Amino acid sequence: EKDISGKFPGLYVINIQAFYDGLASYALARKNNNSKKWRKRGHEIMKKFVEWAKHCPSNNSHKVLLLKAECASLFASKSKKKREIAEQAYNAAILGANDSGFVNVAAIASERAAEFYNSTGQDEKFSSHIAQAYQHYFKWGARGKCECIAKKYPEIAFTSQ
């Protein structure tokens, strides 16, 4: 819970920890009826990434976009504008992560986008994004994650390419 990012601003592990903390915060908000506590925490972390992206966009811009998508997705069922923001941010995060060589973030962004599309009843987009997530995880070497996805969605024929 203690924030040490200000003490070690150049340490990349701080960036990684903050990123997953942000994703977890939005996931907890989603699980807890859009809890203001967790949304606020996610937003505070996203603000850090906006600053970090100014100094190193190739390491951080796609993370900002994924956090933005996760935030917008919390309200997608109530707002067409939030749904559109989430869709655009997910797609931009996937593209940006790919372009910057972060296949792991592209995998996570693709999977989160797939879950978003599944929750909004967009079956074709869900299928294409979960297949894309599988491919990214495979490329990253996360074979166990690929097995989990394949077991969870047996109706989809996954390929590694």
C-alpha atoms as a PDB file:
ATOM      1  CA  GLU A   1       0.000   0.000   0.000  1.00  0.00           C
ATOM      2  CA  LYS A   2       2.944   2.340   0.610  1.00  0.00           C
ATOM      3  CA  ASP A   3       3.895   4.355  -2.475  1.00  0.00           C
ATOM      4  CA  ILE A   4       7.656   4.378  -3.015  1.00  0.00           C
ATOM      5  CA  SER A   5       7.628   5.519  -6.653  1.00  0.00           C
ATOM      6  CA  GLY A   6       8.812   9.024  -5.744  1.00  0.00           C
ATOM      7  CA  LYS A   7      11.898   7.638  -4.026  1.00  0.00           C
ATOM      8  CA  PHE A   8      13.041   5.568  -6.998  1.00  0.00           C
ATOM      9  CA  PRO A   9      11.614   7.307 -10.093  1.00  0.00           C
ATOM     10  CA  GLY A  10      13.984   5.651 -12.574  1.00  0.00           C
ATOM     11  CA  LEU A  11      13.607   2.108 -11.295  1.00  0.00           C
ATOM     12  CA  TYR A  12      11.638   0.178 -13.919  1.00  0.00           C
ATOM     13  CA  VAL A  13      10.267  -2.334 -11.419  1.00  0.00           C
ATOM     14  CA  ILE A  14       8.334   0.575  -9.851  1.00  0.00           C
ATOM     15  CA  ASN A  15       6.712   1.142 -13.239  1.00  0.00           C
ATOM     16  CA  ILE A  16       5.753  -2.518 -13.578  1.00  0.00           C
ATOM     17  CA  GLN A  17       4.348  -2.698 -10.052  1.00  0.00           C
ATOM     18  CA  ALA A  18       2.335   0.488 -10.558  1.00  0.00           C
ATOM     19  CA  PHE A  19       0.918  -0.796 -13.854  1.00  0.00           C
ATOM     20  CA  TYR A  20      -0.372  -4.022 -12.352  1.00  0.00           C
ATOM     21  CA  ASP A  21      -1.597  -2.123  -9.297  1.00  0.00           C
ATOM     22  CA  GLY A  22      -3.629   0.105 -11.625  1.00  0.00           C
ATOM     23  CA  LEU A  23      -5.105  -2.856 -13.480  1.00  0.00           C
ATOM     24  CA  ALA A  24      -5.911  -4.575 -10.187  1.00  0.00           C
ATOM     25  CA  SER A  25      -7.545  -1.402  -8.848  1.00  0.00           C
ATOM     26  CA  TYR A  26      -9.914  -1.204 -11.803  1.00  0.00           C
ATOM     27  CA  ALA A  27     -10.618  -4.947 -11.534  1.00  0.00           C
ATOM     28  CA  LEU A  28     -11.485  -4.507  -7.859  1.00  0.00           C
ATOM     29  CA  ALA A  29     -13.712  -1.559  -8.728  1.00  0.00           C
ATOM     30  CA  ARG A  30     -15.488  -3.773 -11.274  1.00  0.00           C
ATOM     31  CA  LYS A  31     -15.950  -6.583  -8.725  1.00  0.00           C
ATOM     32  CA  ASN A  32     -17.137  -4.224  -6.000  1.00  0.00           C
ATOM     33  CA  ASN A  33     -19.961  -2.416  -7.761  1.00  0.00           C
ATOM     34  CA  ASN A  34     -17.730   0.347  -9.204  1.00  0.00           C
ATOM     35  CA  SER A  35     -16.251   1.095  -5.807  1.00  0.00           C
ATOM     36  CA  LYS A  36     -15.155   4.728  -5.613  1.00  0.00           C
ATOM     37  CA  LYS A  37     -12.151   3.724  -3.480  1.00  0.00           C
ATOM     38  CA  TRP A  38     -10.713   1.461  -6.184  1.00  0.00           C
ATOM     39  CA  ARG A  39     -11.614   3.787  -9.068  1.00  0.00           C
ATOM     40  CA  LYS A  40      -9.810   6.613  -7.291  1.00  0.00           C
ATOM     41  CA  ARG A  41      -6.738   4.446  -6.760  1.00  0.00           C
ATOM     42  CA  GLY A  42      -6.745   3.409 -10.418  1.00  0.00           C
ATOM     43  CA  HIS A  43      -7.099   7.032 -11.502  1.00  0.00           C
ATOM     44  CA  GLU A  44      -4.197   8.141  -9.269  1.00  0.00           C
ATOM     45  CA  ILE A  45      -2.002   5.484 -10.827  1.00  0.00           C
ATOM     46  CA  MET A  46      -3.112   6.453 -14.327  1.00  0.00           C
ATOM     47  CA  LYS A  47      -2.057  10.058 -13.586  1.00  0.00           C
ATOM     48  CA  LYS A  48       1.461   8.785 -12.763  1.00  0.00           C
ATOM     49  CA  PHE A  49       1.599   7.010 -16.105  1.00  0.00           C
ATOM     50  CA  VAL A  50       0.487  10.147 -17.936  1.00  0.00           C
ATOM     51  CA  GLU A  51       3.502  11.922 -16.407  1.00  0.00           C
ATOM     52  CA  TRP A  52       5.853   9.025 -17.082  1.00  0.00           C
ATOM     53  CA  ALA A  53       4.629   8.853 -20.683  1.00  0.00           C
ATOM     54  CA  LYS A  54       5.763  12.448 -21.209  1.00  0.00           C
ATOM     55  CA  HIS A  55       9.342  11.364 -20.462  1.00  0.00           C
ATOM     56  CA  CYS A  56       9.307   7.908 -22.013  1.00  0.00           C
ATOM     57  CA  PRO A  57       6.320   7.364 -24.297  1.00  0.00           C
ATOM     58  CA  SER A  58       7.526   4.060 -25.733  1.00  0.00           C
ATOM     59  CA  ASN A  59       7.470   2.485 -22.257  1.00  0.00           C
ATOM     60  CA  ASN A  60       4.326   4.118 -20.955  1.00  0.00           C
ATOM     61  CA  SER A  61       1.839   5.438 -23.536  1.00  0.00           C
ATOM     62  CA  HIS A  62       0.258   2.046 -24.184  1.00  0.00           C
ATOM     63  CA  LYS A  63      -0.083   1.521 -20.422  1.00  0.00           C
ATOM     64  CA  VAL A  64      -1.911   4.852 -20.088  1.00  0.00           C
ATOM     65  CA  LEU A  65      -4.261   3.738 -22.854  1.00  0.00           C
ATOM     66  CA  LEU A  66      -4.985   0.376 -21.244  1.00  0.00           C
ATOM     67  CA  LEU A  67      -5.674   1.996 -17.879  1.00  0.00           C
ATOM     68  CA  LYS A  68      -7.908   4.547 -19.632  1.00  0.00           C
ATOM     69  CA  ALA A  69      -9.800   1.712 -21.342  1.00  0.00           C
ATOM     70  CA  GLU A  70     -10.258  -0.124 -18.061  1.00  0.00           C
ATOM     71  CA  CYS A  71     -11.566   3.038 -16.406  1.00  0.00           C
ATOM     72  CA  ALA A  72     -14.003   3.781 -19.230  1.00  0.00           C
ATOM     73  CA  SER A  73     -15.184   0.169 -19.343  1.00  0.00           C
ATOM     74  CA  LEU A  74     -16.533   0.538 -15.804  1.00  0.00           C
ATOM     75  CA  PHE A  75     -19.283   2.790 -17.184  1.00  0.00           C
ATOM     76  CA  ALA A  76     -19.676   1.305 -20.664  1.00  0.00           C
ATOM     77  CA  SER A  77     -23.045  -0.261 -19.908  1.00  0.00           C
ATOM     78  CA  LYS A  78     -24.472   3.138 -18.934  1.00  0.00           C
ATOM     79  CA  SER A  79     -22.806   5.399 -21.478  1.00  0.00           C
ATOM     80  CA  LYS A  80     -22.331   5.029 -25.222  1.00  0.00           C
ATOM     81  CA  LYS A  81     -19.521   7.596 -25.055  1.00  0.00           C
ATOM     82  CA  LYS A  82     -17.660   5.594 -22.363  1.00  0.00           C
ATOM     83  CA  ARG A  83     -18.118   2.432 -24.436  1.00  0.00           C
ATOM     84  CA  GLU A  84     -16.587   4.178 -27.476  1.00  0.00           C
ATOM     85  CA  ILE A  85     -13.724   5.565 -25.373  1.00  0.00           C
ATOM     86  CA  ALA A  86     -13.030   2.089 -24.004  1.00  0.00           C
ATOM     87  CA  GLU A  87     -13.052   0.509 -27.475  1.00  0.00           C
ATOM     88  CA  GLN A  88     -10.707   3.129 -28.921  1.00  0.00           C
ATOM     89  CA  ALA A  89      -8.365   2.984 -25.942  1.00  0.00           C
ATOM     90  CA  TYR A  90      -8.188  -0.834 -25.946  1.00  0.00           C
ATOM     91  CA  ASN A  91      -7.346  -0.879 -29.652  1.00  0.00           C
ATOM     92  CA  ALA A  92      -4.772   1.894 -29.291  1.00  0.00           C
ATOM     93  CA  ALA A  93      -3.200   0.146 -26.282  1.00  0.00           C
ATOM     94  CA  ILE A  94      -2.830  -3.106 -28.219  1.00  0.00           C
ATOM     95  CA  LEU A  95      -1.327  -1.321 -31.213  1.00  0.00           C
ATOM     96  CA  GLY A  96       0.988   0.820 -29.059  1.00  0.00           C
ATOM     97  CA  ALA A  97       2.207  -2.136 -27.018  1.00  0.00           C
ATOM     98  CA  ASN A  98       2.928  -4.070 -30.222  1.00  0.00           C
ATOM     99  CA  ASP A  99       4.728  -1.130 -31.801  1.00  0.00           C
ATOM    100  CA  SER A 100       6.863  -0.647 -28.682  1.00  0.00           C
ATOM    101  CA  GLY A 101       7.728  -4.340 -28.387  1.00  0.00           C
ATOM    102  CA  PHE A 102       5.692  -5.036 -25.251  1.00  0.00           C
ATOM    103  CA  VAL A 103       4.085  -8.318 -26.304  1.00  0.00           C
ATOM    104  CA  ASN A 104       3.132  -8.994 -22.681  1.00  0.00           C
ATOM    105  CA  VAL A 105       1.091  -5.792 -22.463  1.00  0.00           C
ATOM    106  CA  ALA A 106      -0.400  -6.470 -25.914  1.00  0.00           C
ATOM    107  CA  ALA A 107      -1.505  -9.879 -24.593  1.00  0.00           C
ATOM    108  CA  ILE A 108      -3.089  -8.409 -21.479  1.00  0.00           C
ATOM    109  CA  ALA A 109      -4.714  -5.567 -23.416  1.00  0.00           C
ATOM    110  CA  SER A 110      -6.141  -8.018 -25.952  1.00  0.00           C
ATOM    111  CA  GLU A 111      -7.530 -10.218 -23.203  1.00  0.00           C
ATOM    112  CA  ARG A 112      -9.042  -7.266 -21.332  1.00  0.00           C
ATOM    113  CA  ALA A 113     -10.562  -5.984 -24.586  1.00  0.00           C
ATOM    114  CA  ALA A 114     -12.000  -9.446 -25.238  1.00  0.00           C
ATOM    115  CA  GLU A 115     -13.601  -9.518 -21.797  1.00  0.00           C
ATOM    116  CA  PHE A 116     -14.978  -6.023 -22.406  1.00  0.00           C
ATOM    117  CA  TYR A 117     -16.509  -7.079 -25.734  1.00  0.00           C
ATOM    118  CA  ASN A 118     -17.899 -10.225 -24.117  1.00  0.00           C
ATOM    119  CA  SER A 119     -19.567  -8.136 -21.407  1.00  0.00           C
ATOM    120  CA  THR A 120     -21.116  -5.814 -23.998  1.00  0.00           C
ATOM    121  CA  GLY A 121     -22.433  -8.655 -26.174  1.00  0.00           C
ATOM    122  CA  GLN A 122     -20.106  -8.045 -29.123  1.00  0.00           C
ATOM    123  CA  ASP A 123     -19.391 -11.689 -29.910  1.00  0.00           C
ATOM    124  CA  GLU A 124     -17.315 -11.250 -33.077  1.00  0.00           C
ATOM    125  CA  LYS A 125     -15.031  -8.693 -31.468  1.00  0.00           C
ATOM    126  CA  PHE A 126     -14.768 -10.896 -28.397  1.00  0.00           C
ATOM    127  CA  SER A 127     -13.701 -13.894 -30.486  1.00  0.00           C
ATOM    128  CA  SER A 128     -11.114 -11.976 -32.489  1.00  0.00           C
ATOM    129  CA  HIS A 129      -9.611 -10.305 -29.408  1.00  0.00           C
ATOM    130  CA  ILE A 130      -9.405 -13.469 -27.320  1.00  0.00           C
ATOM    131  CA  ALA A 131      -7.717 -15.212 -30.268  1.00  0.00           C
ATOM    132  CA  GLN A 132      -5.343 -12.242 -30.535  1.00  0.00           C
ATOM    133  CA  ALA A 133      -4.633 -12.491 -26.785  1.00  0.00           C
ATOM    134  CA  TYR A 134      -3.831 -16.185 -27.192  1.00  0.00           C
ATOM    135  CA  GLN A 135      -1.380 -15.393 -29.996  1.00  0.00           C
ATOM    136  CA  HIS A 136       0.346 -12.684 -27.953  1.00  0.00           C
ATOM    137  CA  TYR A 137       0.603 -14.923 -24.900  1.00  0.00           C
ATOM    138  CA  PHE A 138       2.040 -17.674 -27.095  1.00  0.00           C
ATOM    139  CA  LYS A 139       4.593 -15.286 -28.587  1.00  0.00           C
ATOM    140  CA  TRP A 140       5.495 -14.106 -25.070  1.00  0.00           C
ATOM    141  CA  GLY A 141       6.052 -17.726 -24.027  1.00  0.00           C
ATOM    142  CA  ALA A 142       3.129 -17.896 -21.592  1.00  0.00           C
ATOM    143  CA  ARG A 143       2.045 -21.398 -22.611  1.00  0.00           C
ATOM    144  CA  GLY A 144       0.205 -21.969 -19.321  1.00  0.00           C
ATOM    145  CA  LYS A 145      -1.926 -18.901 -19.967  1.00  0.00           C
ATOM    146  CA  CYS A 146      -2.641 -20.187 -23.478  1.00  0.00           C
ATOM    147  CA  GLU A 147      -3.833 -23.483 -21.990  1.00  0.00           C
ATOM    148  CA  CYS A 148      -6.121 -21.617 -19.570  1.00  0.00           C
ATOM    149  CA  ILE A 149      -7.659 -19.573 -22.381  1.00  0.00           C
ATOM    150  CA  ALA A 150      -8.152 -22.645 -24.573  1.00  0.00           C
ATOM    151  CA  LYS A 151      -9.868 -24.504 -21.716  1.00  0.00           C
ATOM    152  CA  LYS A 152     -12.056 -21.530 -20.837  1.00  0.00           C
ATOM    153  CA  TYR A 153     -13.209 -21.056 -24.463  1.00  0.00           C
ATOM    154  CA  PRO A 154     -13.237 -24.523 -26.094  1.00  0.00           C
ATOM    155  CA  GLU A 155     -15.590 -23.286 -28.827  1.00  0.00           C
ATOM    156  CA  ILE A 156     -12.793 -21.136 -30.294  1.00  0.00           C
ATOM    157  CA  ALA A 157     -10.095 -22.722 -32.453  1.00  0.00           C
ATOM    158  CA  PHE A 158      -6.874 -21.059 -31.250  1.00  0.00           C
ATOM    159  CA  THR A 159      -3.690 -20.930 -33.284  1.00  0.00           C
ATOM    160  CA  SER A 160      -0.278 -19.642 -32.326  1.00  0.00           C
ATOM    161  CA  GLN A 161      -0.047 -17.463 -35.457  1.00  0.00           C
END
